Amino acid sequence: MAFGRRRRDDEPANGAENAAEEAVEAAEAEAEEAAPGGETAKGGPWDSEDSPPEMQRLDFGAMQIPVAPGLGFQVNFEATQVDEEGNPLDGRPVAVLVQYNESAMQLQVFAAPKRSGIWEDVRRETAQDITENAGGQVQEVEGPFGDELLAMVPAALTEEVLAEMPDEVKEQIPQEFIEQGWAPQIIRFVGVDGPRWFLQAVVQGAAIEDEEQWQVLEDVLSGVVVVRGDSPMPPRDLLELKIPQEFQEAGEDDEENVETFNPFERGPEITEVR
């Protein structure tokens, strides 16, 4: 879902308001020192300034993501330069897709204000976008990381989409959905507010209902370490991602199992971690 910038509040108009704001900032600073930022009831996701548990992780720059047996990773890009016909020439990594069996979880991390989280606003804006623009339905639910958004979005089943589907997937689609040209797609939005960052996970596939598959993705999410950095950034700007060294080495050593670097097809990919 698109992130829009929110206009900053006007500066306080008088000294009393300034004093009140300073008092609030002091109280919030004490609270941040008393409770590690980014820590949820499950212990994570973690801020790099915390003491996250030791485990094997892939370094994507602003995110360090745990690896586990059966997981696949793919980097999603957006175009930063196009030719005269609009074809992408260059791009930047904007998200990491974690794959497990028939499930996928897209992870993105954004800058956030120092004194407040943005998940409540993002959740409301996402719900409005789905209902008003996508013709879907939404429901707020309580999850292991706090309030979540469960959405049903109509997914197009055009001839092109069906032609690219594996036969075993296509066979599971009811004929009535194929005839009407769309099928209901369930999407789960999970958000975590950390110290000056916001981490969003978008879950699709079997993990929506399959507890075993969701548990694997939940453990990945709770083990993520966010590296915010000290540079000032506008709220909702994406934190910078990079390609892990393991991706580059895998591409050099095993070209058959790992896609060649092409940011506008599938992107660098490790098909499975054992």
C-alpha atoms as a PDB file:
ATOM      1  CA  MET A   1       0.000   0.000   0.000  1.00  0.00           C
ATOM      2  CA  ALA A   2       1.220   3.452  -0.786  1.00  0.00           C
ATOM      3  CA  PHE A   3       2.658   5.563   1.979  1.00  0.00           C
ATOM      4  CA  GLY A   4       1.798   9.245   1.879  1.00  0.00           C
ATOM      5  CA  ARG A   5       3.642  11.951   3.738  1.00  0.00           C
ATOM      6  CA  ARG A   6       1.721  13.663   6.496  1.00  0.00           C
ATOM      7  CA  ARG A   7       2.118  17.412   6.928  1.00  0.00           C
ATOM      8  CA  ARG A   8       4.048  18.327  10.060  1.00  0.00           C
ATOM      9  CA  ASP A   9       2.126  20.017  12.816  1.00  0.00           C
ATOM     10  CA  ASP A  10       2.621  23.763  13.147  1.00  0.00           C
ATOM     11  CA  GLU A  11       5.204  24.890  15.673  1.00  0.00           C
ATOM     12  CA  PRO A  12       3.834  25.805  19.156  1.00  0.00           C
ATOM     13  CA  ALA A  13       2.683  29.389  19.219  1.00  0.00           C
ATOM     14  CA  ASN A  14       3.835  30.427  22.678  1.00  0.00           C
ATOM     15  CA  GLY A  15       6.287  29.693  25.459  1.00  0.00           C
ATOM     16  CA  ALA A  16       3.811  27.728  27.577  1.00  0.00           C
ATOM     17  CA  GLU A  17       3.245  25.273  24.759  1.00  0.00           C
ATOM     18  CA  ASN A  18       7.015  24.975  24.270  1.00  0.00           C
ATOM     19  CA  ALA A  19       7.480  24.185  27.934  1.00  0.00           C
ATOM     20  CA  ALA A  20       4.728  21.584  27.834  1.00  0.00           C
ATOM     21  CA  GLU A  21       6.296  19.919  24.800  1.00  0.00           C
ATOM     22  CA  GLU A  22       9.703  19.822  26.497  1.00  0.00           C
ATOM     23  CA  ALA A  23       8.136  18.153  29.535  1.00  0.00           C
ATOM     24  CA  VAL A  24       6.511  15.513  27.324  1.00  0.00           C
ATOM     25  CA  GLU A  25       9.801  14.880  25.514  1.00  0.00           C
ATOM     26  CA  ALA A  26      11.610  14.411  28.829  1.00  0.00           C
ATOM     27  CA  ALA A  27       9.004  11.919  30.034  1.00  0.00           C
ATOM     28  CA  GLU A  28       9.166  10.002  26.779  1.00  0.00           C
ATOM     29  CA  ALA A  29      12.963   9.912  26.899  1.00  0.00           C
ATOM     30  CA  GLU A  30      12.818   8.381  30.375  1.00  0.00           C
ATOM     31  CA  ALA A  31      10.318   5.802  29.149  1.00  0.00           C
ATOM     32  CA  GLU A  32      12.575   4.896  26.215  1.00  0.00           C
ATOM     33  CA  GLU A  33      15.497   4.329  28.592  1.00  0.00           C
ATOM     34  CA  ALA A  34      13.371   2.205  30.918  1.00  0.00           C
ATOM     35  CA  ALA A  35      11.991  -0.051  28.150  1.00  0.00           C
ATOM     36  CA  PRO A  36      14.052  -1.096  25.098  1.00  0.00           C
ATOM     37  CA  GLY A  37      12.488   0.308  21.937  1.00  0.00           C
ATOM     38  CA  GLY A  38      11.094  -2.108  19.364  1.00  0.00           C
ATOM     39  CA  GLU A  39      10.599  -4.923  21.858  1.00  0.00           C
ATOM     40  CA  THR A  40       7.216  -6.635  21.666  1.00  0.00           C
ATOM     41  CA  ALA A  41       5.551  -9.142  23.959  1.00  0.00           C
ATOM     42  CA  LYS A  42       7.386 -11.878  22.016  1.00  0.00           C
ATOM     43  CA  GLY A  43      10.761 -10.183  22.518  1.00  0.00           C
ATOM     44  CA  GLY A  44      11.175  -8.695  19.036  1.00  0.00           C
ATOM     45  CA  PRO A  45      11.546  -7.351  16.393  1.00  0.00           C
ATOM     46  CA  TRP A  46      14.659  -5.746  17.788  1.00  0.00           C
ATOM     47  CA  ASP A  47      16.466  -2.455  17.466  1.00  0.00           C
ATOM     48  CA  SER A  48      20.189  -2.721  16.767  1.00  0.00           C
ATOM     49  CA  GLU A  49      20.844  -0.779  19.990  1.00  0.00           C
ATOM     50  CA  ASP A  50      19.145  -3.539  21.995  1.00  0.00           C
ATOM     51  CA  SER A  51      20.685  -6.917  22.797  1.00  0.00           C
ATOM     52  CA  PRO A  52      18.926  -9.256  20.334  1.00  0.00           C
ATOM     53  CA  PRO A  53      19.443 -13.000  20.749  1.00  0.00           C
ATOM     54  CA  GLU A  54      22.263 -14.503  18.726  1.00  0.00           C
ATOM     55  CA  MET A  55      21.118 -16.339  15.595  1.00  0.00           C
ATOM     56  CA  GLN A  56      22.054 -16.609  11.956  1.00  0.00           C
ATOM     57  CA  ARG A  57      20.723 -13.632   9.994  1.00  0.00           C
ATOM     58  CA  LEU A  58      21.058 -12.230   6.482  1.00  0.00           C
ATOM     59  CA  ASP A  59      22.253  -8.616   6.438  1.00  0.00           C
ATOM     60  CA  PHE A  60      19.976  -6.510   4.219  1.00  0.00           C
ATOM     61  CA  GLY A  61      21.327  -3.217   5.556  1.00  0.00           C
ATOM     62  CA  ALA A  62      18.429  -1.671   7.473  1.00  0.00           C
ATOM     63  CA  MET A  63      17.099  -5.162   8.266  1.00  0.00           C
ATOM     64  CA  GLN A  64      18.892  -8.248   9.527  1.00  0.00           C
ATOM     65  CA  ILE A  65      16.546 -11.175   8.889  1.00  0.00           C
ATOM     66  CA  PRO A  66      16.817 -14.635  10.517  1.00  0.00           C
ATOM     67  CA  VAL A  67      17.374 -17.689   8.336  1.00  0.00           C
ATOM     68  CA  ALA A  68      15.914 -21.125   8.994  1.00  0.00           C
ATOM     69  CA  PRO A  69      15.462 -24.430   7.150  1.00  0.00           C
ATOM     70  CA  GLY A  70      13.052 -24.199   4.238  1.00  0.00           C
ATOM     71  CA  LEU A  71      13.078 -20.407   3.911  1.00  0.00           C
ATOM     72  CA  GLY A  72      13.595 -18.606   0.608  1.00  0.00           C
ATOM     73  CA  PHE A  73      14.464 -14.930   0.199  1.00  0.00           C
ATOM     74  CA  GLN A  74      13.843 -12.521  -2.664  1.00  0.00           C
ATOM     75  CA  VAL A  75      14.599  -8.823  -2.952  1.00  0.00           C
ATOM     76  CA  ASN A  76      11.933  -6.575  -4.491  1.00  0.00           C
ATOM     77  CA  PHE A  77      13.043  -3.503  -6.441  1.00  0.00           C
ATOM     78  CA  GLU A  78      11.466  -0.284  -7.686  1.00  0.00           C
ATOM     79  CA  ALA A  79      12.683   1.615 -10.750  1.00  0.00           C
ATOM     80  CA  THR A  80      14.781   4.733 -10.176  1.00  0.00           C
ATOM     81  CA  GLN A  81      15.614   5.337 -13.835  1.00  0.00           C
ATOM     82  CA  VAL A  82      13.700   4.530 -17.040  1.00  0.00           C
ATOM     83  CA  ASP A  83      14.373   4.888 -20.763  1.00  0.00           C
ATOM     84  CA  GLU A  84      12.333   6.911 -23.250  1.00  0.00           C
ATOM     85  CA  GLU A  85       9.789   4.102 -23.551  1.00  0.00           C
ATOM     86  CA  GLY A  86       9.378   3.775 -19.814  1.00  0.00           C
ATOM     87  CA  ASN A  87      11.393   0.579 -19.445  1.00  0.00           C
ATOM     88  CA  PRO A  88      13.359   0.385 -16.168  1.00  0.00           C
ATOM     89  CA  LEU A  89      17.121   0.857 -16.407  1.00  0.00           C
ATOM     90  CA  ASP A  90      18.071   0.966 -12.746  1.00  0.00           C
ATOM     91  CA  GLY A  91      16.419   0.390  -9.410  1.00  0.00           C
ATOM     92  CA  ARG A  92      16.773   0.245  -5.654  1.00  0.00           C
ATOM     93  CA  PRO A  93      15.805  -2.530  -3.226  1.00  0.00           C
ATOM     94  CA  VAL A  94      12.635  -1.627  -1.319  1.00  0.00           C
ATOM     95  CA  ALA A  95      11.431  -4.869   0.294  1.00  0.00           C
ATOM     96  CA  VAL A  96      12.455  -8.409   1.179  1.00  0.00           C
ATOM     97  CA  LEU A  97      10.126 -11.319   0.440  1.00  0.00           C
ATOM     98  CA  VAL A  98      10.450 -14.279   2.814  1.00  0.00           C
ATOM     99  CA  GLN A  99       9.005 -17.487   1.345  1.00  0.00           C
ATOM    100  CA  TYR A 100       8.064 -20.686   3.166  1.00  0.00           C
ATOM    101  CA  ASN A 101       6.157 -23.519   1.476  1.00  0.00           C
ATOM    102  CA  GLU A 102       2.933 -21.953   0.114  1.00  0.00           C
ATOM    103  CA  SER A 103       3.353 -18.754   2.158  1.00  0.00           C
ATOM    104  CA  ALA A 104       5.091 -15.422   1.670  1.00  0.00           C
ATOM    105  CA  MET A 105       5.833 -12.442   3.918  1.00  0.00           C
ATOM    106  CA  GLN A 106       6.995  -9.112   2.516  1.00  0.00           C
ATOM    107  CA  LEU A 107       9.074  -7.002   4.912  1.00  0.00           C
ATOM    108  CA  GLN A 108       9.629  -3.244   4.636  1.00  0.00           C
ATOM    109  CA  VAL A 109      11.119  -0.813   7.138  1.00  0.00           C
ATOM    110  CA  PHE A 110      10.497   2.947   7.269  1.00  0.00           C
ATOM    111  CA  ALA A 111      11.697   5.965   9.212  1.00  0.00           C
ATOM    112  CA  ALA A 112       9.327   7.138  11.946  1.00  0.00           C
ATOM    113  CA  PRO A 113       9.050  10.140  14.290  1.00  0.00           C
ATOM    114  CA  LYS A 114      11.115  10.067  17.443  1.00  0.00           C
ATOM    115  CA  ARG A 115       8.196  10.635  19.785  1.00  0.00           C
ATOM    116  CA  SER A 116       5.397   8.549  18.269  1.00  0.00           C
ATOM    117  CA  GLY A 117       4.674   5.467  16.177  1.00  0.00           C
ATOM    118  CA  ILE A 118       2.879   5.491  12.835  1.00  0.00           C
ATOM    119  CA  TRP A 119       1.250   2.030  12.702  1.00  0.00           C
ATOM    120  CA  GLU A 120      -2.137   3.329  13.851  1.00  0.00           C
ATOM    121  CA  ASP A 121      -2.224   5.907  11.048  1.00  0.00           C
ATOM    122  CA  VAL A 122      -0.839   3.485   8.452  1.00  0.00           C
ATOM    123  CA  ARG A 123      -3.393   0.864   9.464  1.00  0.00           C
ATOM    124  CA  ARG A 124      -6.257   3.334   9.069  1.00  0.00           C
ATOM    125  CA  GLU A 125      -4.979   4.605   5.707  1.00  0.00           C
ATOM    126  CA  THR A 126      -4.427   1.059   4.418  1.00  0.00           C
ATOM    127  CA  ALA A 127      -7.952   0.043   5.414  1.00  0.00           C
ATOM    128  CA  GLN A 128      -9.384   3.092   3.660  1.00  0.00           C
ATOM    129  CA  ASP A 129      -7.355   2.369   0.522  1.00  0.00           C
ATOM    130  CA  ILE A 130      -8.545  -1.246   0.390  1.00  0.00           C
ATOM    131  CA  THR A 131     -12.225  -0.476   0.909  1.00  0.00           C
ATOM    132  CA  GLU A 132     -12.463   2.644  -1.250  1.00  0.00           C
ATOM    133  CA  ASN A 133      -9.996   1.924  -4.061  1.00  0.00           C
ATOM    134  CA  ALA A 134      -9.593  -1.855  -4.230  1.00  0.00           C
ATOM    135  CA  GLY A 135     -13.181  -2.844  -3.510  1.00  0.00           C
ATOM    136  CA  GLY A 136     -12.089  -5.058  -0.625  1.00  0.00           C
ATOM    137  CA  GLN A 137     -13.074  -5.633   2.978  1.00  0.00           C
ATOM    138  CA  VAL A 138     -11.008  -5.197   6.141  1.00  0.00           C
ATOM    139  CA  GLN A 139     -11.150  -6.247   9.778  1.00  0.00           C
ATOM    140  CA  GLU A 140      -8.928  -5.261  12.691  1.00  0.00           C
ATOM    141  CA  VAL A 141      -7.747  -8.202  14.784  1.00  0.00           C
ATOM    142  CA  GLU A 142      -5.412  -8.729  17.711  1.00  0.00           C
ATOM    143  CA  GLY A 143      -2.221 -10.611  16.930  1.00  0.00           C
ATOM    144  CA  PRO A 144       1.056 -11.538  18.628  1.00  0.00           C
ATOM    145  CA  PHE A 145       2.543  -8.139  17.709  1.00  0.00           C
ATOM    146  CA  GLY A 146      -0.517  -6.065  18.598  1.00  0.00           C
ATOM    147  CA  ASP A 147      -3.276  -4.735  16.358  1.00  0.00           C
ATOM    148  CA  GLU A 148      -3.298  -6.173  12.833  1.00  0.00           C
ATOM    149  CA  LEU A 149      -5.338  -5.709   9.687  1.00  0.00           C
ATOM    150  CA  LEU A 150      -6.951  -8.645   7.896  1.00  0.00           C
ATOM    151  CA  ALA A 151      -8.088  -7.781   4.373  1.00  0.00           C
ATOM    152  CA  MET A 152      -9.966  -9.481   1.560  1.00  0.00           C
ATOM    153  CA  VAL A 153      -8.972  -8.056  -1.814  1.00  0.00           C
ATOM    154  CA  PRO A 154     -10.348  -9.163  -5.209  1.00  0.00           C
ATOM    155  CA  ALA A 155      -7.464 -10.692  -7.195  1.00  0.00           C
ATOM    156  CA  ALA A 156      -7.715 -10.630 -10.987  1.00  0.00           C
ATOM    157  CA  LEU A 157      -7.792 -13.976 -12.802  1.00  0.00           C
ATOM    158  CA  THR A 158      -7.092 -12.837 -16.352  1.00  0.00           C
ATOM    159  CA  GLU A 159      -5.981 -15.197 -19.097  1.00  0.00           C
ATOM    160  CA  GLU A 160      -2.424 -13.923 -18.670  1.00  0.00           C
ATOM    161  CA  VAL A 161      -2.467 -14.600 -14.928  1.00  0.00           C
ATOM    162  CA  LEU A 162      -3.909 -18.090 -15.376  1.00  0.00           C
ATOM    163  CA  ALA A 163      -1.379 -18.916 -18.106  1.00  0.00           C
ATOM    164  CA  GLU A 164       1.520 -18.165 -15.728  1.00  0.00           C
ATOM    165  CA  MET A 165       0.063 -20.219 -12.859  1.00  0.00           C
ATOM    166  CA  PRO A 166       1.422 -23.701 -12.127  1.00  0.00           C
ATOM    167  CA  ASP A 167      -1.143 -26.359 -13.021  1.00  0.00           C
ATOM    168  CA  GLU A 168      -1.352 -27.618  -9.435  1.00  0.00           C
ATOM    169  CA  VAL A 169      -2.341 -24.124  -8.259  1.00  0.00           C
ATOM    170  CA  LYS A 170      -4.808 -23.529 -11.084  1.00  0.00           C
ATOM    171  CA  GLU A 171      -6.554 -26.836 -10.355  1.00  0.00           C
ATOM    172  CA  GLN A 172      -7.399 -25.657  -6.838  1.00  0.00           C
ATOM    173  CA  ILE A 173      -9.268 -22.535  -8.035  1.00  0.00           C
ATOM    174  CA  PRO A 174     -13.066 -23.015  -8.083  1.00  0.00           C
ATOM    175  CA  GLN A 175     -14.527 -22.767 -11.573  1.00  0.00           C
ATOM    176  CA  GLU A 176     -16.896 -19.992 -10.479  1.00  0.00           C
ATOM    177  CA  PHE A 177     -13.906 -17.764  -9.669  1.00  0.00           C
ATOM    178  CA  ILE A 178     -12.373 -18.409 -13.086  1.00  0.00           C
ATOM    179  CA  GLU A 179     -15.667 -17.621 -14.799  1.00  0.00           C
ATOM    180  CA  GLN A 180     -16.145 -14.354 -12.927  1.00  0.00           C
ATOM    181  CA  GLY A 181     -12.529 -13.337 -13.565  1.00  0.00           C
ATOM    182  CA  TRP A 182     -11.433 -12.773  -9.971  1.00  0.00           C
ATOM    183  CA  ALA A 183     -10.939 -14.570  -6.685  1.00  0.00           C
ATOM    184  CA  PRO A 184     -10.903 -13.329  -3.071  1.00  0.00           C
ATOM    185  CA  GLN A 185      -7.372 -12.931  -1.768  1.00  0.00           C
ATOM    186  CA  ILE A 186      -6.764 -12.720   1.985  1.00  0.00           C
ATOM    187  CA  ILE A 187      -3.880 -10.503   3.110  1.00  0.00           C
ATOM    188  CA  ARG A 188      -2.605  -9.979   6.651  1.00  0.00           C
ATOM    189  CA  PHE A 189      -0.921  -6.669   7.562  1.00  0.00           C
ATOM    190  CA  VAL A 190       1.300  -6.666  10.653  1.00  0.00           C
ATOM    191  CA  GLY A 191       3.016  -3.517  11.919  1.00  0.00           C
ATOM    192  CA  VAL A 192       5.611  -2.882  14.625  1.00  0.00           C
ATOM    193  CA  ASP A 193       6.571   0.596  15.868  1.00  0.00           C
ATOM    194  CA  GLY A 194      10.180   0.851  17.022  1.00  0.00           C
ATOM    195  CA  PRO A 195      12.460   3.698  18.103  1.00  0.00           C
ATOM    196  CA  ARG A 196      12.451   6.010  15.030  1.00  0.00           C
ATOM    197  CA  TRP A 197      11.437   3.146  12.701  1.00  0.00           C
ATOM    198  CA  PHE A 198       8.364   1.259  11.581  1.00  0.00           C
ATOM    199  CA  LEU A 199       8.463  -2.341  10.335  1.00  0.00           C
ATOM    200  CA  GLN A 200       5.600  -3.691   8.223  1.00  0.00           C
ATOM    201  CA  ALA A 201       4.982  -7.325   7.286  1.00  0.00           C
ATOM    202  CA  VAL A 202       2.438  -8.287   4.613  1.00  0.00           C
ATOM    203  CA  VAL A 203       1.539 -11.983   4.744  1.00  0.00           C
ATOM    204  CA  GLN A 204      -0.152 -13.980   1.979  1.00  0.00           C
ATOM    205  CA  GLY A 205      -0.764 -17.609   1.171  1.00  0.00           C
ATOM    206  CA  ALA A 206      -1.335 -20.657   3.338  1.00  0.00           C
ATOM    207  CA  ALA A 207       0.047 -18.983   6.498  1.00  0.00           C
ATOM    208  CA  ILE A 208      -3.208 -16.999   6.761  1.00  0.00           C
ATOM    209  CA  GLU A 209      -4.926 -20.186   7.996  1.00  0.00           C
ATOM    210  CA  ASP A 210      -2.118 -22.724   8.437  1.00  0.00           C
ATOM    211  CA  GLU A 211      -0.780 -22.285  11.981  1.00  0.00           C
ATOM    212  CA  GLU A 212       2.414 -24.266  11.305  1.00  0.00           C
ATOM    213  CA  GLN A 213       3.395 -22.114   8.349  1.00  0.00           C
ATOM    214  CA  TRP A 214       2.479 -18.902  10.162  1.00  0.00           C
ATOM    215  CA  GLN A 215       4.572 -19.933  13.179  1.00  0.00           C
ATOM    216  CA  VAL A 216       7.667 -20.130  10.970  1.00  0.00           C
ATOM    217  CA  LEU A 217       7.051 -16.644   9.566  1.00  0.00           C
ATOM    218  CA  GLU A 218       6.178 -15.284  13.012  1.00  0.00           C
ATOM    219  CA  ASP A 219       9.509 -16.516  14.362  1.00  0.00           C
ATOM    220  CA  VAL A 220      11.282 -14.800  11.463  1.00  0.00           C
ATOM    221  CA  LEU A 221       9.484 -11.513  12.133  1.00  0.00           C
ATOM    222  CA  SER A 222      10.168 -11.597  15.873  1.00  0.00           C
ATOM    223  CA  GLY A 223      13.869 -12.191  15.161  1.00  0.00           C
ATOM    224  CA  VAL A 224      14.353  -9.257  12.774  1.00  0.00           C
ATOM    225  CA  VAL A 225      16.897  -6.639  13.844  1.00  0.00           C
ATOM    226  CA  VAL A 226      16.339  -3.103  12.492  1.00  0.00           C
ATOM    227  CA  VAL A 227      19.383  -0.889  11.929  1.00  0.00           C
ATOM    228  CA  ARG A 228      17.955   2.624  11.913  1.00  0.00           C
ATOM    229  CA  GLY A 229      21.193   4.615  11.748  1.00  0.00           C
ATOM    230  CA  ASP A 230      21.727   8.148  13.001  1.00  0.00           C
ATOM    231  CA  SER A 231      20.901  10.095   9.838  1.00  0.00           C
ATOM    232  CA  PRO A 232      17.766  12.267  10.058  1.00  0.00           C
ATOM    233  CA  MET A 233      15.043  11.117   7.672  1.00  0.00           C
ATOM    234  CA  PRO A 234      11.476  12.264   6.979  1.00  0.00           C
ATOM    235  CA  PRO A 235       8.887   9.940   8.563  1.00  0.00           C
ATOM    236  CA  ARG A 236       7.691   7.184   6.209  1.00  0.00           C
ATOM    237  CA  ASP A 237      10.787   7.273   4.017  1.00  0.00           C
ATOM    238  CA  LEU A 238      12.129   3.783   3.328  1.00  0.00           C
ATOM    239  CA  LEU A 239      15.293   2.877   5.178  1.00  0.00           C
ATOM    240  CA  GLU A 240      18.095   1.851   2.839  1.00  0.00           C
ATOM    241  CA  LEU A 241      18.369  -1.830   1.980  1.00  0.00           C
ATOM    242  CA  LYS A 242      21.294  -3.650   0.403  1.00  0.00           C
ATOM    243  CA  ILE A 243      21.968  -7.039  -1.181  1.00  0.00           C
ATOM    244  CA  PRO A 244      23.551  -9.501   1.290  1.00  0.00           C
ATOM    245  CA  GLN A 245      26.970 -10.872   0.490  1.00  0.00           C
ATOM    246  CA  GLU A 246      25.475 -14.381   0.574  1.00  0.00           C
ATOM    247  CA  PHE A 247      23.288 -13.521  -2.421  1.00  0.00           C
ATOM    248  CA  GLN A 248      26.273 -12.433  -4.471  1.00  0.00           C
ATOM    249  CA  GLU A 249      28.322 -15.482  -3.496  1.00  0.00           C
ATOM    250  CA  ALA A 250      25.404 -17.807  -4.244  1.00  0.00           C
ATOM    251  CA  GLY A 251      25.019 -16.232  -7.666  1.00  0.00           C
ATOM    252  CA  GLU A 252      28.700 -16.836  -8.413  1.00  0.00           C
ATOM    253  CA  ASP A 253      28.855 -20.405  -7.094  1.00  0.00           C
ATOM    254  CA  ASP A 254      25.488 -21.851  -8.166  1.00  0.00           C
ATOM    255  CA  GLU A 255      24.003 -20.088 -11.178  1.00  0.00           C
ATOM    256  CA  GLU A 256      21.470 -22.877 -11.765  1.00  0.00           C
ATOM    257  CA  ASN A 257      19.757 -22.467  -8.391  1.00  0.00           C
ATOM    258  CA  VAL A 258      20.006 -18.681  -7.990  1.00  0.00           C
ATOM    259  CA  GLU A 259      18.636 -16.134 -10.435  1.00  0.00           C
ATOM    260  CA  THR A 260      21.129 -13.890 -12.186  1.00  0.00           C
ATOM    261  CA  PHE A 261      20.916 -10.310 -10.926  1.00  0.00           C
ATOM    262  CA  ASN A 262      17.985  -8.672 -12.715  1.00  0.00           C
ATOM    263  CA  PRO A 263      16.086  -6.242 -10.497  1.00  0.00           C
ATOM    264  CA  PHE A 264      13.036  -6.105 -12.721  1.00  0.00           C
ATOM    265  CA  GLU A 265      12.309  -9.797 -13.100  1.00  0.00           C
ATOM    266  CA  ARG A 266      12.628 -11.748  -9.869  1.00  0.00           C
ATOM    267  CA  GLY A 267      15.689 -10.195  -8.286  1.00  0.00           C
ATOM    268  CA  PRO A 268      18.557 -11.900  -6.431  1.00  0.00           C
ATOM    269  CA  GLU A 269      17.191 -15.003  -4.783  1.00  0.00           C
ATOM    270  CA  ILE A 270      18.308 -17.769  -2.488  1.00  0.00           C
ATOM    271  CA  THR A 271      15.783 -20.487  -3.193  1.00  0.00           C
ATOM    272  CA  GLU A 272      16.176 -22.317   0.098  1.00  0.00           C
ATOM    273  CA  VAL A 273      18.208 -22.191   3.280  1.00  0.00           C
ATOM    274  CA  ARG A 274      19.035 -25.571   4.786  1.00  0.00           C
END
